[in-house]
């Protein structure tokens, strides 16, 4: 009997891909994290998601729940961190508030859309 879908951490994973690449569909988990999850749960990295048993899926779910911040929790954490930077008034917080690049990118020749939006808001 072929599975219809496989939900891990609230995300439907593609059934035709290998487990580490399918786990990368979860926000907050990449391919290298997927490899680590497979090693921790004792799952072969070449195994397809459609071939996983219910016990293996539960093991992956449990491992992700215990060791990773994913999806909505990750979005909340990132927005909370940005709000903290803005509230303390540090350089990165000011750049976030002004909707400008925060990691040292150029704004003279790049980021024109951001600068255009700022002039409209003023």
C-alpha atoms as a PDB file:
ATOM      1  CA  UNK A   1       0.000   0.000   0.000  1.00  0.00           C
ATOM      2  CA  UNK A   2       1.425   3.367  -1.037  1.00  0.00           C
ATOM      3  CA  UNK A   3       1.268   6.361   1.302  1.00  0.00           C
ATOM      4  CA  UNK A   4      -0.710   9.403   0.242  1.00  0.00           C
ATOM      5  CA  UNK A   5       1.215  11.972   2.279  1.00  0.00           C
ATOM      6  CA  UNK A   6       3.710  12.183   5.084  1.00  0.00           C
ATOM      7  CA  UNK A   7       3.502  15.039   7.591  1.00  0.00           C
ATOM      8  CA  UNK A   8       6.558  15.948   9.622  1.00  0.00           C
ATOM      9  CA  UNK A   9       6.482  19.054  11.840  1.00  0.00           C
ATOM     10  CA  UNK A  10       3.223  20.113  10.182  1.00  0.00           C
ATOM     11  CA  UNK A  11       4.647  20.070   6.629  1.00  0.00           C
ATOM     12  CA  UNK A  12       3.677  17.650   3.873  1.00  0.00           C
ATOM     13  CA  UNK A  13       6.904  16.148   2.586  1.00  0.00           C
ATOM     14  CA  UNK A  14       7.357  15.073  -1.042  1.00  0.00           C
ATOM     15  CA  UNK A  15       7.210  11.275  -1.113  1.00  0.00           C
ATOM     16  CA  UNK A  16       9.502  10.698  -4.101  1.00  0.00           C
ATOM     17  CA  UNK A  17      12.624  12.344  -2.633  1.00  0.00           C
ATOM     18  CA  UNK A  18      15.284  11.078  -0.244  1.00  0.00           C
ATOM     19  CA  UNK A  19      14.660  11.884   3.408  1.00  0.00           C
ATOM     20  CA  UNK A  20      17.308  14.646   3.934  1.00  0.00           C
ATOM     21  CA  UNK A  21      16.133  16.546   0.847  1.00  0.00           C
ATOM     22  CA  UNK A  22      12.496  16.193   1.838  1.00  0.00           C
ATOM     23  CA  UNK A  23      13.232  17.443   5.353  1.00  0.00           C
ATOM     24  CA  UNK A  24      14.680  20.602   3.765  1.00  0.00           C
ATOM     25  CA  UNK A  25      11.076  21.579   2.882  1.00  0.00           C
ATOM     26  CA  UNK A  26      10.583  22.378   6.583  1.00  0.00           C
ATOM     27  CA  UNK A  27      11.481  25.998   7.375  1.00  0.00           C
ATOM     28  CA  UNK A  28      14.468  25.904   9.711  1.00  0.00           C
ATOM     29  CA  UNK A  29      15.830  22.537   8.517  1.00  0.00           C
ATOM     30  CA  UNK A  30      18.306  22.302   5.649  1.00  0.00           C
ATOM     31  CA  UNK A  31      19.924  19.379   3.877  1.00  0.00           C
ATOM     32  CA  UNK A  32      22.845  19.137   6.321  1.00  0.00           C
ATOM     33  CA  UNK A  33      20.404  19.251   9.259  1.00  0.00           C
ATOM     34  CA  UNK A  34      18.370  16.592   7.468  1.00  0.00           C
ATOM     35  CA  UNK A  35      21.466  14.386   7.299  1.00  0.00           C
ATOM     36  CA  UNK A  36      22.053  14.862  11.049  1.00  0.00           C
ATOM     37  CA  UNK A  37      18.410  14.021  11.797  1.00  0.00           C
ATOM     38  CA  UNK A  38      18.693  10.835   9.723  1.00  0.00           C
ATOM     39  CA  UNK A  39      21.836   9.797  11.605  1.00  0.00           C
ATOM     40  CA  UNK A  40      20.236  10.496  14.979  1.00  0.00           C
ATOM     41  CA  UNK A  41      17.100   8.514  14.119  1.00  0.00           C
ATOM     42  CA  UNK A  42      18.959   5.639  12.452  1.00  0.00           C
ATOM     43  CA  UNK A  43      17.435   6.179   9.005  1.00  0.00           C
ATOM     44  CA  UNK A  44      19.341   5.592   5.780  1.00  0.00           C
ATOM     45  CA  UNK A  45      19.960   8.823   3.862  1.00  0.00           C
ATOM     46  CA  UNK A  46      19.096   7.122   0.573  1.00  0.00           C
ATOM     47  CA  UNK A  47      15.677   5.966   1.776  1.00  0.00           C
ATOM     48  CA  UNK A  48      12.653   7.619   0.159  1.00  0.00           C
ATOM     49  CA  UNK A  49       9.982   9.255   2.307  1.00  0.00           C
ATOM     50  CA  UNK A  50       7.357   6.912   0.844  1.00  0.00           C
ATOM     51  CA  UNK A  51       9.308   3.945   2.289  1.00  0.00           C
ATOM     52  CA  UNK A  52       9.407   5.283   5.874  1.00  0.00           C
ATOM     53  CA  UNK A  53       7.450   3.415   8.512  1.00  0.00           C
ATOM     54  CA  UNK A  54       5.189   5.154  11.015  1.00  0.00           C
ATOM     55  CA  UNK A  55       7.738   4.532  13.790  1.00  0.00           C
ATOM     56  CA  UNK A  56      10.488   6.227  11.761  1.00  0.00           C
ATOM     57  CA  UNK A  57       8.234   9.206  11.020  1.00  0.00           C
ATOM     58  CA  UNK A  58       7.396   9.509  14.726  1.00  0.00           C
ATOM     59  CA  UNK A  59      11.110   9.332  15.582  1.00  0.00           C
ATOM     60  CA  UNK A  60      11.901  12.136  13.113  1.00  0.00           C
ATOM     61  CA  UNK A  61       8.998  14.221  14.463  1.00  0.00           C
ATOM     62  CA  UNK A  62      10.192  13.760  18.034  1.00  0.00           C
ATOM     63  CA  UNK A  63      13.802  14.588  17.200  1.00  0.00           C
ATOM     64  CA  UNK A  64      12.818  17.767  15.345  1.00  0.00           C
ATOM     65  CA  UNK A  65      10.450  18.828  18.142  1.00  0.00           C
ATOM     66  CA  UNK A  66      13.169  18.382  20.795  1.00  0.00           C
ATOM     67  CA  UNK A  67      16.214  19.803  18.989  1.00  0.00           C
ATOM     68  CA  UNK A  68      15.095  22.329  16.359  1.00  0.00           C
ATOM     69  CA  UNK A  69      13.093  25.564  16.165  1.00  0.00           C
ATOM     70  CA  UNK A  70      10.955  25.299  13.037  1.00  0.00           C
ATOM     71  CA  UNK A  71       8.115  26.989  11.134  1.00  0.00           C
ATOM     72  CA  UNK A  72       5.912  29.302  13.221  1.00  0.00           C
ATOM     73  CA  UNK A  73       8.196  29.196  16.273  1.00  0.00           C
ATOM     74  CA  UNK A  74      11.137  30.189  14.069  1.00  0.00           C
ATOM     75  CA  UNK A  75       9.194  33.075  12.494  1.00  0.00           C
ATOM     76  CA  UNK A  76       8.176  34.299  15.959  1.00  0.00           C
ATOM     77  CA  UNK A  77      11.766  34.070  17.205  1.00  0.00           C
ATOM     78  CA  UNK A  78      13.169  36.014  14.239  1.00  0.00           C
ATOM     79  CA  UNK A  79      10.539  38.767  14.488  1.00  0.00           C
ATOM     80  CA  UNK A  80      11.107  39.000  18.248  1.00  0.00           C
ATOM     81  CA  UNK A  81      14.863  39.354  17.694  1.00  0.00           C
ATOM     82  CA  UNK A  82      14.304  42.108  15.111  1.00  0.00           C
ATOM     83  CA  UNK A  83      11.906  43.943  17.455  1.00  0.00           C
ATOM     84  CA  UNK A  84      14.580  43.801  20.169  1.00  0.00           C
ATOM     85  CA  UNK A  85      17.202  45.299  17.828  1.00  0.00           C
ATOM     86  CA  UNK A  86      14.800  48.086  16.853  1.00  0.00           C
ATOM     87  CA  UNK A  87      13.817  48.817  20.461  1.00  0.00           C
ATOM     88  CA  UNK A  88      17.386  49.148  21.758  1.00  0.00           C
ATOM     89  CA  UNK A  89      18.275  51.411  18.824  1.00  0.00           C
ATOM     90  CA  UNK A  90      21.431  49.663  17.684  1.00  0.00           C
ATOM     91  CA  UNK A  91      22.761  50.156  14.151  1.00  0.00           C
ATOM     92  CA  UNK A  92      21.108  47.022  12.780  1.00  0.00           C
ATOM     93  CA  UNK A  93      17.846  48.000  14.445  1.00  0.00           C
ATOM     94  CA  UNK A  94      17.934  51.438  12.835  1.00  0.00           C
ATOM     95  CA  UNK A  95      18.593  49.851   9.437  1.00  0.00           C
ATOM     96  CA  UNK A  96      15.639  47.493   9.984  1.00  0.00           C
ATOM     97  CA  UNK A  97      13.413  50.414  10.959  1.00  0.00           C
ATOM     98  CA  UNK A  98      14.401  52.301   7.796  1.00  0.00           C
ATOM     99  CA  UNK A  99      13.941  49.160   5.622  1.00  0.00           C
ATOM    100  CA  UNK A 100      17.553  49.298   4.420  1.00  0.00           C
ATOM    101  CA  UNK A 101      20.082  46.460   4.076  1.00  0.00           C
ATOM    102  CA  UNK A 102      21.457  45.501   7.495  1.00  0.00           C
ATOM    103  CA  UNK A 103      24.552  43.497   6.591  1.00  0.00           C
ATOM    104  CA  UNK A 104      26.779  46.106   4.994  1.00  0.00           C
ATOM    105  CA  UNK A 105      25.531  45.930   1.409  1.00  0.00           C
ATOM    106  CA  UNK A 106      25.806  48.939  -0.882  1.00  0.00           C
ATOM    107  CA  UNK A 107      22.881  51.297  -1.179  1.00  0.00           C
ATOM    108  CA  UNK A 108      24.346  53.726  -3.723  1.00  0.00           C
ATOM    109  CA  UNK A 109      23.859  51.458  -6.725  1.00  0.00           C
ATOM    110  CA  UNK A 110      21.825  48.627  -5.201  1.00  0.00           C
ATOM    111  CA  UNK A 111      18.753  48.446  -2.956  1.00  0.00           C
ATOM    112  CA  UNK A 112      17.004  51.072  -5.064  1.00  0.00           C
ATOM    113  CA  UNK A 113      13.575  49.632  -4.312  1.00  0.00           C
ATOM    114  CA  UNK A 114      14.155  49.963  -0.573  1.00  0.00           C
ATOM    115  CA  UNK A 115      15.328  53.548  -0.938  1.00  0.00           C
ATOM    116  CA  UNK A 116      12.372  54.395  -3.186  1.00  0.00           C
ATOM    117  CA  UNK A 117       9.930  53.049  -0.609  1.00  0.00           C
ATOM    118  CA  UNK A 118      11.576  55.160   2.098  1.00  0.00           C
ATOM    119  CA  UNK A 119      11.170  58.375   0.098  1.00  0.00           C
ATOM    120  CA  UNK A 120       7.490  57.597  -0.439  1.00  0.00           C
ATOM    121  CA  UNK A 121       6.947  56.982   3.295  1.00  0.00           C
ATOM    122  CA  UNK A 122       8.568  60.260   4.346  1.00  0.00           C
END
